[in-house]
Amino acid sequence: MEARAIIEKLRDKVTLTQDELRWFAAGLADGTVSDAQAGAFAMAALLNGMAEAERVALTLAMRDSGTTMSWEATGPAIDKHSTGGVGDCVSLLLAPALAAMGAHVPMVSGRGLGHTGGTLDKLEAIPGLTTEVSEDRFREIVQQVGCAIVSATGSIAPADKRLYAVRDVTGTVESIDLITASILSKKLAAGLDALVLDVKCGSGAFMHTREDAVALAKSLVSTSNAAGCRTSALITDMNQPLCPSLGNALELMVVMEALTDGRVDNNLVDVTCALGGELLVLSGQAEDVDIAAFEMRDVILEGHAAERFGAMIAALGGPKDFVDHWPDRLASAPVMREIASPSDGFVSAMDGHALGMTVVGLGGGRLKGGERIDPAVGISDCVMLGDRIAQGDHIATVHAATPEAADRAEQEIIAAIKLATSQPDELPLIYERIAP
């Protein structure tokens, strides 16, 4: 086989075989396929699309281009993936809650890039903790604790790593077929029995419209199930931050308030429990989604999830007493400033992308891989859609490294929060479920 012939078939809308896609993925991993050929393949996929059989074959081929895992555990191996948003720290709640309910959660997560925060960056706001562990240590933690949130090793889906880098510089990131294969090749390499997808739409999401989110969700769900992993998806709202804080340590504080102080009456916990209910039914541990979600809320409220979270933190090198003393273990920014509303009105819209980029500008995110971040900076106590505000009322608190950074963030936050004279219609937190 040769790369040129495969690219020509995709260009001419001739169906590619499993063997051809497996060869191409192997060539991406070992360098047989050049960057130019990878870019041409990605452009042909973007312009012409791929049939479901091709998409499934590409996903499995990229999965098999590196290490794949399997689990010998008393409970099912399950996980979730989010397409990204602001104030989204669901994984930090979901993994320990599922572990407390008897599941095994081998969660391979990512770092923040662009306007969205990364689960690994949030965890690493905890002193001493590292998410970079060996595969053997990953297995040990999952077996002992029930959950582990770690970074992917270089041996996981190397074909995807190569193709993603090429897509980023060739204008082909938007291909739903390639997005699907990219996400699922890494998740399926973890040896999952079930997967739930949190596909977000709105101003703070990569998919701004519900239609685009549904299209991606359907592609992910059909491909993952065809690849042998029981999968469903929820389309969830991201027209405002999922929790009232944005920034690594600040979002972790919200998680700890839920785990230890019983603050479970909020959007973050609602989405977490809905996703957890889906996973428990998919994996055969529950029969009714709503009952499973209710039981998960109790697990969080009663402190069982906190116990698993503390055990995971200690296993990853963090403080053994973190759950009991978390307010003293997390860094705080030297400048804290409350922001007052410049006018009266109802909060009618929020530019989630702009708020996320404000956190990046404060130093709490990165625009390219490898940049250092400040875990302490960000935004807290942010107003939510529908809130009634009078001039001078508090709308958010900025946590910054310098007064000058706080000045810039204040103006950006005021611009990102829109006020109107009438209360806006309430948006659903969960728009719909995409079933297997």
Protein backbone atom coordinates (compact mmCIF):
# COMPACT_ATOMS: atom_id res chain seq x y z
CA MET A 1 0.00 0.00 0.00
CA GLU A 2 0.98 3.63 -0.33
CA ALA A 3 -0.33 6.84 1.17
CA ARG A 4 -0.95 8.55 -2.17
CA ALA A 5 -3.37 5.87 -3.37
CA ILE A 6 -5.32 6.03 -0.10
CA ILE A 7 -5.55 9.83 -0.29
CA GLU A 8 -6.75 9.67 -3.89
CA LYS A 9 -9.52 7.24 -2.97
CA LEU A 10 -10.72 9.51 -0.16
CA ARG A 11 -10.49 12.51 -2.50
CA ASP A 12 -12.60 10.71 -5.11
CA LYS A 13 -15.16 9.48 -2.55
CA VAL A 14 -14.21 5.83 -2.98
CA THR A 15 -14.75 3.86 0.24
CA LEU A 16 -11.54 3.01 2.07
CA THR A 17 -11.07 -0.48 3.50
CA GLN A 18 -10.18 -1.38 7.07
CA ASP A 19 -6.76 -2.57 5.92
CA GLU A 20 -6.06 0.72 4.14
CA LEU A 21 -7.02 2.80 7.16
CA ARG A 22 -5.04 0.54 9.50
CA TRP A 23 -1.98 0.94 7.24
CA PHE A 24 -2.42 4.72 7.13
CA ALA A 25 -2.75 5.00 10.93
CA ALA A 26 0.35 2.86 11.41
CA GLY A 27 2.16 5.13 8.94
CA LEU A 28 1.14 8.19 10.94
CA ALA A 29 2.55 6.59 14.08
CA ASP A 30 5.88 5.44 12.62
CA GLY A 31 6.52 8.31 10.19
CA THR A 32 5.93 6.39 6.96
CA VAL A 33 3.18 8.92 6.15
CA SER A 34 4.58 12.43 5.67
CA ASP A 35 3.10 15.62 7.12
CA ALA A 36 2.03 16.67 3.61
CA GLN A 37 0.23 13.37 3.10
CA ALA A 38 -1.42 13.58 6.52
CA GLY A 39 -2.61 17.10 5.68
CA ALA A 40 -4.01 15.99 2.33
CA PHE A 41 -5.83 13.10 3.99
CA ALA A 42 -7.32 15.45 6.60
CA MET A 43 -8.48 17.95 3.97
CA ALA A 44 -10.12 15.21 1.89
CA ALA A 45 -11.89 13.93 5.01
CA LEU A 46 -13.08 17.44 5.86
CA LEU A 47 -14.41 18.21 2.38
CA ASN A 48 -15.91 14.82 1.49
CA GLY A 49 -16.74 13.30 4.86
CA MET A 50 -16.38 9.64 5.73
CA ALA A 51 -18.93 6.82 5.84
CA GLU A 52 -19.64 5.37 9.27
CA ALA A 53 -17.73 2.18 8.47
CA GLU A 54 -14.69 4.26 7.48
CA ARG A 55 -14.98 6.39 10.62
CA VAL A 56 -15.16 3.30 12.84
CA ALA A 57 -12.23 1.69 11.06
CA LEU A 58 -10.12 4.86 11.37
CA THR A 59 -10.96 5.16 15.08
CA LEU A 60 -9.95 1.57 15.79
CA ALA A 61 -6.83 1.88 13.65
CA MET A 62 -5.69 4.96 15.55
CA ARG A 63 -6.53 3.26 18.85
CA ASP A 64 -4.43 0.26 17.88
CA SER A 65 -1.48 2.40 16.73
CA GLY A 66 -0.20 2.36 20.33
CA THR A 67 -0.76 0.80 23.72
CA THR A 68 -4.23 -0.46 24.63
CA MET A 69 -5.30 -1.37 28.13
CA SER A 70 -7.56 -4.00 29.64
CA TRP A 71 -8.87 -4.28 33.18
CA GLU A 72 -9.27 -7.15 35.58
CA ALA A 73 -11.57 -5.52 38.07
CA THR A 74 -14.62 -6.34 40.15
CA GLY A 75 -16.52 -3.43 38.60
CA PRO A 76 -16.86 -2.15 35.04
CA ALA A 77 -14.30 0.27 33.63
CA ILE A 78 -16.20 3.43 32.72
CA ASP A 79 -15.41 7.05 31.85
CA LYS A 80 -16.81 10.28 30.47
CA HIS A 81 -15.58 12.80 27.93
CA SER A 82 -16.53 16.46 27.70
CA THR A 83 -16.12 18.49 24.53
CA GLY A 84 -15.04 21.43 26.69
CA GLY A 85 -16.41 24.56 28.26
CA VAL A 86 -15.78 27.08 31.02
CA GLY A 87 -16.20 26.33 34.71
CA ASP A 88 -16.47 22.64 33.80
CA CYS A 89 -14.93 20.59 36.61
CA VAL A 90 -17.34 17.64 36.36
CA SER A 91 -14.59 15.02 36.14
CA LEU A 92 -13.26 15.91 39.58
CA LEU A 93 -16.67 15.15 41.10
CA LEU A 94 -17.77 12.34 38.84
CA ALA A 95 -14.75 10.03 39.08
CA PRO A 96 -14.72 9.66 42.89
CA ALA A 97 -18.53 9.46 43.08
CA LEU A 98 -18.57 6.60 40.57
CA ALA A 99 -15.74 4.87 42.42
CA ALA A 100 -17.72 5.12 45.67
CA MET A 101 -20.59 3.36 43.86
CA GLY A 102 -18.45 0.40 42.84
CA ALA A 103 -17.22 1.39 39.38
CA HIS A 104 -13.64 1.59 38.16
CA VAL A 105 -12.81 4.87 36.47
CA PRO A 106 -9.53 4.95 34.49
CA MET A 107 -9.83 8.58 33.39
CA VAL A 108 -7.24 9.80 30.90
CA SER A 109 -7.70 13.57 30.75
CA GLY A 110 -6.16 16.59 29.07
CA ARG A 111 -4.78 20.03 29.78
CA GLY A 112 -6.39 23.35 29.05
CA LEU A 113 -5.88 24.94 25.66
CA GLY A 114 -7.58 28.01 24.27
CA HIS A 115 -10.44 29.33 26.37
CA THR A 116 -11.24 26.08 28.21
CA GLY A 117 -9.62 24.81 31.37
CA GLY A 118 -8.03 21.38 31.65
CA THR A 119 -8.85 18.73 34.27
CA LEU A 120 -5.16 17.92 34.76
CA ASP A 121 -4.28 21.57 35.39
CA LYS A 122 -7.03 21.80 38.00
CA LEU A 123 -5.81 18.70 39.80
CA GLU A 124 -2.22 19.88 39.72
CA ALA A 125 -3.23 23.01 41.63
CA ILE A 126 -2.89 20.63 44.60
CA PRO A 127 0.70 20.82 45.95
CA GLY A 128 2.85 17.77 45.24
CA LEU A 129 0.33 16.06 42.99
CA THR A 130 1.40 14.71 39.61
CA THR A 131 -0.86 13.29 36.93
CA GLU A 132 2.02 11.81 34.95
CA VAL A 133 2.27 8.22 36.15
CA SER A 134 3.37 4.94 34.61
CA GLU A 135 0.84 2.54 33.19
CA ASP A 136 1.54 0.11 36.06
CA ARG A 137 0.97 2.83 38.65
CA PHE A 138 -2.19 3.91 36.84
CA ARG A 139 -3.51 0.35 37.16
CA GLU A 140 -2.56 0.16 40.84
CA ILE A 141 -4.41 3.36 41.71
CA VAL A 142 -7.56 2.35 39.84
CA GLN A 143 -7.54 -1.07 41.53
CA GLN A 144 -6.93 0.36 45.01
CA VAL A 145 -8.98 3.56 44.95
CA GLY A 146 -11.50 2.91 42.17
CA CYS A 147 -10.52 5.96 40.13
CA ALA A 148 -7.47 7.76 38.78
CA ILE A 149 -7.29 10.91 36.68
CA VAL A 150 -4.02 10.96 34.73
CA SER A 151 -2.41 12.30 31.59
CA ALA A 152 -2.01 10.17 28.48
CA THR A 153 1.36 8.56 27.93
CA GLY A 154 3.15 8.95 24.62
CA SER A 155 2.24 5.37 23.76
CA ILE A 156 -1.53 6.04 23.73
CA ALA A 157 -2.87 6.51 20.17
CA PRO A 158 0.31 8.03 18.66
CA ALA A 159 -1.39 8.17 15.25
CA ASP A 160 -3.91 10.62 16.68
CA LYS A 161 -1.21 12.78 18.22
CA ARG A 162 0.46 13.08 14.83
CA LEU A 163 -2.74 13.70 12.86
CA TYR A 164 -4.04 16.22 15.39
CA ALA A 165 -0.87 18.31 15.11
CA VAL A 166 -1.23 18.36 11.32
CA ARG A 167 -4.93 19.23 11.47
CA ASP A 168 -4.14 22.17 13.75
CA VAL A 169 -2.01 23.84 11.07
CA THR A 170 -3.97 22.83 7.95
CA GLY A 171 -7.42 24.24 8.75
CA THR A 172 -9.02 20.82 9.20
CA VAL A 173 -9.75 20.76 12.93
CA GLU A 174 -13.50 21.12 12.26
CA SER A 175 -13.96 17.74 10.56
CA ILE A 176 -16.54 15.86 12.64
CA ASP A 177 -15.20 12.53 11.37
CA LEU A 178 -11.66 13.35 12.48
CA ILE A 179 -12.84 14.89 15.77
CA THR A 180 -14.71 11.65 16.43
CA ALA A 181 -11.73 9.43 15.66
CA SER A 182 -9.43 11.65 17.71
CA ILE A 183 -11.57 11.63 20.84
CA LEU A 184 -12.54 7.98 20.72
CA SER A 185 -9.16 6.51 19.77
CA LYS A 186 -7.72 7.75 23.08
CA LYS A 187 -10.77 6.81 25.17
CA LEU A 188 -11.10 3.33 23.66
CA ALA A 189 -7.38 2.70 24.21
CA ALA A 190 -8.16 2.84 27.94
CA GLY A 191 -10.17 -0.38 27.65
CA LEU A 192 -13.54 1.02 28.64
CA ASP A 193 -16.75 -0.98 29.05
CA ALA A 194 -18.93 2.14 28.87
CA LEU A 195 -18.53 5.82 28.04
CA VAL A 196 -20.77 8.86 28.39
CA LEU A 197 -20.20 12.02 26.36
CA ASP A 198 -20.95 15.53 27.59
CA VAL A 199 -21.32 17.47 24.34
CA LYS A 200 -21.66 21.14 25.14
CA CYS A 201 -23.21 23.92 23.10
CA GLY A 202 -23.36 27.66 23.61
CA SER A 203 -21.13 30.72 23.91
CA GLY A 204 -18.53 28.97 26.06
CA ALA A 205 -18.36 25.76 24.00
CA PHE A 206 -16.50 24.82 20.84
CA MET A 207 -19.86 23.89 19.31
CA HIS A 208 -21.87 27.11 19.50
CA THR A 209 -25.16 25.75 18.13
CA ARG A 210 -27.31 22.89 19.28
CA GLU A 211 -27.40 21.52 15.73
CA ASP A 212 -23.61 21.24 15.56
CA ALA A 213 -23.49 19.66 19.01
CA VAL A 214 -26.11 17.06 18.06
CA ALA A 215 -24.24 16.21 14.84
CA LEU A 216 -21.02 15.61 16.77
CA ALA A 217 -22.80 13.65 19.51
CA LYS A 218 -24.48 11.35 17.00
CA SER A 219 -21.16 10.70 15.27
CA LEU A 220 -19.44 9.92 18.57
CA VAL A 221 -22.22 7.69 19.90
CA SER A 222 -22.68 5.65 16.72
CA THR A 223 -18.94 5.20 16.22
CA SER A 224 -18.18 4.23 19.81
CA ASN A 225 -21.00 1.70 19.96
CA ALA A 226 -19.95 0.22 16.62
CA ALA A 227 -16.44 -0.09 18.06
CA GLY A 228 -17.80 -2.15 20.94
CA CYS A 229 -18.05 0.39 23.77
CA ARG A 230 -21.53 1.10 25.16
CA THR A 231 -21.94 4.85 24.80
CA SER A 232 -24.54 7.60 25.08
CA ALA A 233 -24.34 11.40 25.09
CA LEU A 234 -26.00 14.36 26.74
CA ILE A 235 -26.23 17.73 24.99
CA THR A 236 -25.65 20.25 27.79
CA ASP A 237 -25.78 24.02 27.95
CA MET A 238 -22.63 26.15 27.96
CA ASN A 239 -24.11 29.62 27.54
CA GLN A 240 -22.80 30.39 31.02
CA PRO A 241 -20.06 28.84 33.17
CA LEU A 242 -21.10 25.51 34.67
CA CYS A 243 -20.00 26.68 38.10
CA PRO A 244 -19.56 30.24 39.40
CA SER A 245 -15.74 30.02 39.39
CA LEU A 246 -13.25 29.90 36.52
CA GLY A 247 -9.62 29.07 37.17
CA ASN A 248 -7.78 26.02 38.41
CA ALA A 249 -7.64 26.34 42.20
CA LEU A 250 -10.91 28.29 42.25
CA GLU A 251 -12.83 25.55 40.44
CA LEU A 252 -11.23 22.96 42.70
CA MET A 253 -12.58 24.90 45.67
CA VAL A 254 -16.12 24.59 44.28
CA VAL A 255 -15.60 20.83 43.90
CA MET A 256 -14.39 20.56 47.49
CA GLU A 257 -17.39 22.53 48.74
CA ALA A 258 -19.64 19.95 47.11
CA LEU A 259 -17.62 16.99 48.40
CA THR A 260 -17.15 18.20 51.97
CA ASP A 261 -19.71 20.92 52.71
CA GLY A 262 -22.79 19.43 51.04
CA ARG A 263 -23.20 22.21 48.47
CA VAL A 264 -24.97 20.02 45.93
CA ASP A 265 -27.82 22.26 44.78
CA ASN A 266 -26.18 23.69 41.66
CA ASN A 267 -25.68 23.14 37.94
CA LEU A 268 -22.30 21.46 38.38
CA VAL A 269 -23.69 18.70 40.58
CA ASP A 270 -26.82 18.35 38.44
CA VAL A 271 -24.77 17.67 35.28
CA THR A 272 -22.40 15.39 37.19
CA CYS A 273 -25.25 13.24 38.51
CA ALA A 274 -27.00 13.11 35.14
CA LEU A 275 -23.82 11.87 33.46
CA GLY A 276 -23.19 9.44 36.30
CA GLY A 277 -26.69 8.02 36.00
CA GLU A 278 -26.11 7.43 32.29
CA LEU A 279 -22.87 5.58 32.97
CA LEU A 280 -24.29 3.40 35.71
CA VAL A 281 -27.12 2.25 33.44
CA LEU A 282 -24.82 1.76 30.43
CA SER A 283 -22.49 -0.40 32.53
CA GLY A 284 -25.30 -2.50 33.99
CA GLN A 285 -24.93 -1.24 37.56
CA ALA A 286 -28.34 0.43 37.58
CA GLU A 287 -31.62 0.08 35.72
CA ASP A 288 -33.04 3.60 35.96
CA VAL A 289 -31.09 6.73 35.06
CA ASP A 290 -33.01 9.07 37.37
CA ILE A 291 -32.73 6.77 40.39
CA ALA A 292 -29.00 6.28 39.76
CA ALA A 293 -28.50 10.06 39.51
CA PHE A 294 -30.36 10.56 42.80
CA GLU A 295 -28.22 7.91 44.49
CA MET A 296 -25.06 9.58 43.20
CA ARG A 297 -26.14 12.87 44.76
CA ASP A 298 -26.46 11.07 48.08
CA VAL A 299 -22.99 9.56 47.67
CA ILE A 300 -21.59 13.08 47.25
CA LEU A 301 -23.68 14.55 50.05
CA GLU A 302 -22.80 11.82 52.55
CA GLY A 303 -19.04 12.17 52.03
CA HIS A 304 -18.35 8.82 50.35
CA ALA A 305 -17.08 10.51 47.19
CA ALA A 306 -14.82 12.75 49.29
CA GLU A 307 -13.16 9.67 50.79
CA ARG A 308 -12.33 8.32 47.32
CA PHE A 309 -11.15 11.74 46.16
CA GLY A 310 -8.79 12.04 49.12
CA ALA A 311 -7.40 8.56 48.49
CA MET A 312 -6.80 9.41 44.82
CA ILE A 313 -5.04 12.68 45.72
CA ALA A 314 -2.71 10.88 48.12
CA ALA A 315 -1.99 8.13 45.57
CA LEU A 316 -1.00 10.79 43.01
CA GLY A 317 1.47 12.38 45.44
CA GLY A 318 -0.73 15.06 46.96
CA PRO A 319 -1.27 15.76 50.68
CA LYS A 320 -2.76 12.82 52.58
CA ASP A 321 -4.90 15.25 54.59
CA PHE A 322 -6.11 17.29 51.63
CA VAL A 323 -9.82 16.58 52.11
CA ASP A 324 -9.69 17.76 55.74
CA HIS A 325 -7.50 20.80 55.16
CA TRP A 326 -8.08 21.80 51.53
CA PRO A 327 -8.64 25.55 52.25
CA ASP A 328 -5.06 25.73 53.56
CA ARG A 329 -3.53 23.68 50.75
CA LEU A 330 -4.59 25.74 47.72
CA ALA A 331 -2.79 28.87 46.54
CA SER A 332 -4.52 32.25 46.63
CA ALA A 333 -3.81 35.21 44.36
CA PRO A 334 -2.24 38.36 45.85
CA VAL A 335 -4.88 40.64 44.31
CA MET A 336 -8.60 40.08 44.86
CA ARG A 337 -11.06 42.63 43.53
CA GLU A 338 -14.84 42.66 43.60
CA ILE A 339 -16.41 43.93 40.40
CA ALA A 340 -19.50 46.13 40.55
CA SER A 341 -22.16 46.28 37.86
CA PRO A 342 -22.11 49.54 35.88
CA SER A 343 -25.91 49.51 35.44
CA ASP A 344 -29.22 47.92 36.41
CA GLY A 345 -30.85 44.96 34.67
CA PHE A 346 -31.19 41.23 34.31
CA VAL A 347 -28.22 39.11 33.27
CA SER A 348 -29.41 38.22 29.77
CA ALA A 349 -26.29 36.77 28.13
CA MET A 350 -22.73 35.81 28.97
CA ASP A 351 -19.85 35.47 26.54
CA GLY A 352 -18.32 32.28 27.86
CA HIS A 353 -15.46 32.33 25.39
CA ALA A 354 -14.51 35.85 26.49
CA LEU A 355 -14.66 34.88 30.17
CA GLY A 356 -12.44 31.89 29.51
CA MET A 357 -9.94 34.07 27.66
CA THR A 358 -9.96 36.49 30.59
CA VAL A 359 -8.70 33.67 32.80
CA VAL A 360 -6.03 32.87 30.19
CA GLY A 361 -5.01 36.55 30.19
CA LEU A 362 -4.67 36.46 33.97
CA GLY A 363 -2.21 33.57 33.59
CA GLY A 364 -4.61 30.75 34.42
CA GLY A 365 -4.54 29.11 30.99
CA ARG A 366 -2.33 28.65 27.97
CA LEU A 367 -2.53 29.51 24.29
CA LYS A 368 0.04 26.90 23.27
CA GLY A 369 1.25 23.68 24.78
CA GLY A 370 3.97 23.83 27.43
CA GLU A 371 3.20 27.30 28.81
CA ARG A 372 3.27 27.59 32.59
CA ILE A 373 0.06 28.59 34.33
CA ASP A 374 -0.75 30.25 37.64
CA PRO A 375 -3.19 28.00 39.52
CA ALA A 376 -4.39 30.78 41.84
CA VAL A 377 -5.78 33.29 39.34
CA GLY A 378 -9.25 33.44 37.83
CA ILE A 379 -12.80 34.55 38.50
CA SER A 380 -15.11 33.57 41.37
CA ASP A 381 -18.63 34.32 42.58
CA CYS A 382 -19.81 35.10 39.07
CA VAL A 383 -23.46 36.02 38.49
CA MET A 384 -25.63 33.65 36.47
CA LEU A 385 -28.16 34.09 33.68
CA GLY A 386 -31.43 35.56 34.91
CA ASP A 387 -29.98 37.24 38.01
CA ARG A 388 -31.40 40.68 38.72
CA ILE A 389 -28.64 43.25 39.22
CA ALA A 390 -28.70 46.83 40.46
CA GLN A 391 -26.01 49.34 39.61
CA GLY A 392 -23.12 48.82 41.98
CA ASP A 393 -24.06 45.22 42.82
CA HIS A 394 -21.40 42.55 42.84
CA ILE A 395 -21.11 40.59 39.55
CA ALA A 396 -17.80 38.73 40.05
CA THR A 397 -14.51 38.67 41.94
CA VAL A 398 -11.18 38.78 40.10
CA HIS A 399 -8.17 36.92 41.46
CA ALA A 400 -5.03 38.33 39.84
CA ALA A 401 -1.25 38.41 40.19
CA THR A 402 -1.03 42.20 39.80
CA PRO A 403 -3.33 45.23 40.02
CA GLU A 404 -2.75 45.87 36.31
CA ALA A 405 -3.94 42.38 35.42
CA ALA A 406 -7.00 42.89 37.61
CA ASP A 407 -7.75 46.17 35.78
CA ARG A 408 -7.76 44.42 32.41
CA ALA A 409 -9.85 41.53 33.67
CA GLU A 410 -12.42 43.86 35.21
CA GLN A 411 -13.12 45.56 31.90
CA GLU A 412 -13.29 42.24 30.04
CA ILE A 413 -15.74 40.75 32.54
CA ILE A 414 -18.02 43.78 32.42
CA ALA A 415 -18.03 43.55 28.61
CA ALA A 416 -18.76 39.79 28.67
CA ILE A 417 -21.82 40.02 30.96
CA LYS A 418 -24.81 41.51 29.14
CA LEU A 419 -27.73 43.15 30.97
CA ALA A 420 -31.27 43.68 29.68
CA THR A 421 -34.42 45.30 31.00
CA SER A 422 -36.40 42.04 31.02
CA GLN A 423 -35.59 38.63 32.41
CA PRO A 424 -34.44 36.17 29.70
CA ASP A 425 -36.09 32.83 29.08
CA GLU A 426 -34.57 30.10 31.21
CA LEU A 427 -32.32 27.76 29.25
CA PRO A 428 -32.40 24.02 29.96
CA LEU A 429 -29.29 22.59 31.54
CA ILE A 430 -29.61 19.40 29.49
CA TYR A 431 -31.11 19.75 26.01
CA GLU A 432 -31.39 16.12 24.98
CA ARG A 433 -29.98 12.62 25.21
CA ILE A 434 -28.42 10.86 22.25
CA ALA A 435 -29.10 7.17 22.80
CA PRO A 436 -27.01 4.21 21.57
